[in-house]
Amino acid sequence: MILAGEQHTDWIVGLLGHMREHGYTRFEVEQAAEDAWVEHNNQVADATLYPQANSWYVGANIPGKPRVLMPYVGGFDRFKRRCDEVAASGYEGIRLTGASASAAAD
């Protein structure tokens, strides 16, 4: 968890720096990118016993809530590599917008 917390913070700081550098003020994850990540996360989780447990990890503590394993169990190295790929691609799958973004592109 310590590694993940540090990685998450560093990645978000990188995204915010990229946004500032290019004049963006807002971001939104594109639906297709979100859906692809959820599908990948579910495939990885389904190879384990986690989704079958009656645990708060899958939302079993909330009646009627769909059972979905939220944490990524595919390994920190794999998760970090994917995050680094998204950043290196200019934040592929994330829509960046803002009032001054068009001026930064000029």
C-alpha atoms as a PDB file:
ATOM      1  CA  MET A   1       0.000   0.000   0.000  1.00  0.00           C
ATOM      2  CA  ILE A   2       2.865   2.391   0.694  1.00  0.00           C
ATOM      3  CA  LEU A   3       4.319   1.855  -2.788  1.00  0.00           C
ATOM      4  CA  ALA A   4       0.899   2.232  -4.383  1.00  0.00           C
ATOM      5  CA  GLY A   5       0.148   5.430  -2.464  1.00  0.00           C
ATOM      6  CA  GLU A   6       3.460   6.945  -3.519  1.00  0.00           C
ATOM      7  CA  GLN A   7       2.981   5.856  -7.143  1.00  0.00           C
ATOM      8  CA  HIS A   8      -0.573   7.230  -7.259  1.00  0.00           C
ATOM      9  CA  THR A   9       0.600  10.571  -5.854  1.00  0.00           C
ATOM     10  CA  ASP A  10       3.536  10.829  -8.268  1.00  0.00           C
ATOM     11  CA  TRP A  11       1.323   9.954 -11.242  1.00  0.00           C
ATOM     12  CA  ILE A  12      -1.318  12.531 -10.329  1.00  0.00           C
ATOM     13  CA  VAL A  13       1.353  15.190  -9.800  1.00  0.00           C
ATOM     14  CA  GLY A  14       2.693  14.320 -13.275  1.00  0.00           C
ATOM     15  CA  LEU A  15      -0.788  14.646 -14.786  1.00  0.00           C
ATOM     16  CA  LEU A  16      -1.355  18.005 -13.099  1.00  0.00           C
ATOM     17  CA  GLY A  17       2.048  19.231 -14.284  1.00  0.00           C
ATOM     18  CA  HIS A  18       1.228  18.155 -17.840  1.00  0.00           C
ATOM     19  CA  MET A  19      -2.095  19.969 -17.607  1.00  0.00           C
ATOM     20  CA  ARG A  20      -0.485  23.164 -16.308  1.00  0.00           C
ATOM     21  CA  GLU A  21       2.242  23.041 -18.970  1.00  0.00           C
ATOM     22  CA  HIS A  22      -0.338  22.711 -21.760  1.00  0.00           C
ATOM     23  CA  GLY A  23      -2.983  25.062 -20.361  1.00  0.00           C
ATOM     24  CA  TYR A  24      -5.576  22.443 -19.460  1.00  0.00           C
ATOM     25  CA  THR A  25      -7.842  22.971 -16.463  1.00  0.00           C
ATOM     26  CA  ARG A  26     -10.026  19.837 -16.536  1.00  0.00           C
ATOM     27  CA  PHE A  27      -9.706  16.143 -17.211  1.00  0.00           C
ATOM     28  CA  GLU A  28     -12.174  13.324 -17.666  1.00  0.00           C
ATOM     29  CA  VAL A  29     -11.461   9.653 -18.237  1.00  0.00           C
ATOM     30  CA  GLU A  30     -12.932   8.537 -21.549  1.00  0.00           C
ATOM     31  CA  GLN A  31     -15.643   5.881 -21.197  1.00  0.00           C
ATOM     32  CA  ALA A  32     -13.877   3.417 -23.539  1.00  0.00           C
ATOM     33  CA  ALA A  33     -10.666   3.645 -21.489  1.00  0.00           C
ATOM     34  CA  GLU A  34     -12.564   3.152 -18.234  1.00  0.00           C
ATOM     35  CA  ASP A  35     -14.464   0.169 -19.638  1.00  0.00           C
ATOM     36  CA  ALA A  36     -11.252  -1.428 -20.948  1.00  0.00           C
ATOM     37  CA  TRP A  37      -9.561  -1.051 -17.545  1.00  0.00           C
ATOM     38  CA  VAL A  38     -12.561  -2.492 -15.673  1.00  0.00           C
ATOM     39  CA  GLU A  39     -12.633  -5.461 -18.055  1.00  0.00           C
ATOM     40  CA  HIS A  40      -8.893  -6.059 -17.587  1.00  0.00           C
ATOM     41  CA  ASN A  41      -9.198  -5.689 -13.804  1.00  0.00           C
ATOM     42  CA  ASN A  42     -12.077  -8.185 -13.733  1.00  0.00           C
ATOM     43  CA  GLN A  43     -10.148 -10.709 -15.857  1.00  0.00           C
ATOM     44  CA  VAL A  44      -7.164 -10.507 -13.516  1.00  0.00           C
ATOM     45  CA  ALA A  45      -9.368 -10.748 -10.421  1.00  0.00           C
ATOM     46  CA  ASP A  46     -11.344 -13.687 -11.815  1.00  0.00           C
ATOM     47  CA  ALA A  47      -8.128 -15.715 -11.861  1.00  0.00           C
ATOM     48  CA  THR A  48      -8.136 -15.484  -8.051  1.00  0.00           C
ATOM     49  CA  LEU A  49     -10.549 -16.359  -5.247  1.00  0.00           C
ATOM     50  CA  TYR A  50     -11.084 -12.710  -4.275  1.00  0.00           C
ATOM     51  CA  PRO A  51     -14.334 -12.228  -6.243  1.00  0.00           C
ATOM     52  CA  GLN A  52     -15.867 -15.280  -4.564  1.00  0.00           C
ATOM     53  CA  ALA A  53     -15.307 -14.050  -1.004  1.00  0.00           C
ATOM     54  CA  ASN A  54     -18.042 -12.334   0.973  1.00  0.00           C
ATOM     55  CA  SER A  55     -15.839  -9.347   1.645  1.00  0.00           C
ATOM     56  CA  TRP A  56     -16.065  -5.576   1.602  1.00  0.00           C
ATOM     57  CA  TYR A  57     -13.379  -5.788  -1.138  1.00  0.00           C
ATOM     58  CA  VAL A  58     -16.188  -6.825  -3.510  1.00  0.00           C
ATOM     59  CA  GLY A  59     -18.958  -4.775  -1.915  1.00  0.00           C
ATOM     60  CA  ALA A  60     -20.581  -7.752  -0.157  1.00  0.00           C
ATOM     61  CA  ASN A  61     -21.196  -5.586   2.916  1.00  0.00           C
ATOM     62  CA  ILE A  62     -23.713  -3.433   0.992  1.00  0.00           C
ATOM     63  CA  PRO A  63     -26.950  -5.248   0.107  1.00  0.00           C
ATOM     64  CA  GLY A  64     -27.803  -4.990  -3.594  1.00  0.00           C
ATOM     65  CA  LYS A  65     -24.422  -3.556  -4.591  1.00  0.00           C
ATOM     66  CA  PRO A  66     -22.905  -5.199  -7.668  1.00  0.00           C
ATOM     67  CA  ARG A  67     -19.960  -7.420  -6.714  1.00  0.00           C
ATOM     68  CA  VAL A  68     -16.802  -5.939  -8.209  1.00  0.00           C
ATOM     69  CA  LEU A  69     -13.265  -6.284  -6.880  1.00  0.00           C
ATOM     70  CA  MET A  70     -11.916  -2.742  -6.804  1.00  0.00           C
ATOM     71  CA  PRO A  71      -8.203  -3.258  -5.961  1.00  0.00           C
ATOM     72  CA  TYR A  72      -5.892  -4.305  -8.781  1.00  0.00           C
ATOM     73  CA  VAL A  73      -4.443  -7.736  -7.979  1.00  0.00           C
ATOM     74  CA  GLY A  74      -2.286  -8.116 -11.101  1.00  0.00           C
ATOM     75  CA  GLY A  75       0.860  -6.898  -9.367  1.00  0.00           C
ATOM     76  CA  PHE A  76       2.282  -3.481  -8.611  1.00  0.00           C
ATOM     77  CA  ASP A  77       4.868  -3.697 -11.398  1.00  0.00           C
ATOM     78  CA  ARG A  78       2.181  -4.369 -14.003  1.00  0.00           C
ATOM     79  CA  PHE A  79      -0.039  -1.586 -12.678  1.00  0.00           C
ATOM     80  CA  LYS A  80       2.818   0.935 -12.631  1.00  0.00           C
ATOM     81  CA  ARG A  81       3.900  -0.037 -16.139  1.00  0.00           C
ATOM     82  CA  ARG A  82       0.388   0.601 -17.478  1.00  0.00           C
ATOM     83  CA  CYS A  83       0.164   3.956 -15.693  1.00  0.00           C
ATOM     84  CA  ASP A  84       3.562   4.935 -17.121  1.00  0.00           C
ATOM     85  CA  GLU A  85       2.361   3.981 -20.628  1.00  0.00           C
ATOM     86  CA  VAL A  86      -0.692   6.218 -20.263  1.00  0.00           C
ATOM     87  CA  ALA A  87       1.481   9.152 -19.151  1.00  0.00           C
ATOM     88  CA  ALA A  88       4.068   8.563 -21.913  1.00  0.00           C
ATOM     89  CA  SER A  89       1.316   8.604 -24.538  1.00  0.00           C
ATOM     90  CA  GLY A  90       0.212  12.090 -23.497  1.00  0.00           C
ATOM     91  CA  TYR A  91      -2.468  10.645 -21.217  1.00  0.00           C
ATOM     92  CA  GLU A  92      -4.230   8.470 -23.758  1.00  0.00           C
ATOM     93  CA  GLY A  93      -7.784   7.731 -22.647  1.00  0.00           C
ATOM     94  CA  ILE A  94      -8.080  10.961 -20.688  1.00  0.00           C
ATOM     95  CA  ARG A  95      -9.870  13.939 -22.227  1.00  0.00           C
ATOM     96  CA  LEU A  96      -8.024  17.125 -21.285  1.00  0.00           C
ATOM     97  CA  THR A  97      -9.861  20.414 -21.705  1.00  0.00           C
ATOM     98  CA  GLY A  98      -9.795  23.950 -20.421  1.00  0.00           C
ATOM     99  CA  ALA A  99     -10.277  27.573 -21.297  1.00  0.00           C
ATOM    100  CA  SER A 100      -6.629  28.216 -22.081  1.00  0.00           C
ATOM    101  CA  ALA A 101      -5.893  24.819 -23.701  1.00  0.00           C
ATOM    102  CA  SER A 102      -6.396  26.126 -27.244  1.00  0.00           C
ATOM    103  CA  ALA A 103      -3.962  28.981 -26.583  1.00  0.00           C
ATOM    104  CA  ALA A 104      -1.321  26.518 -25.383  1.00  0.00           C
ATOM    105  CA  ALA A 105      -1.641  24.527 -28.615  1.00  0.00           C
ATOM    106  CA  ASP A 106      -0.845  27.624 -30.742  1.00  0.00           C
END
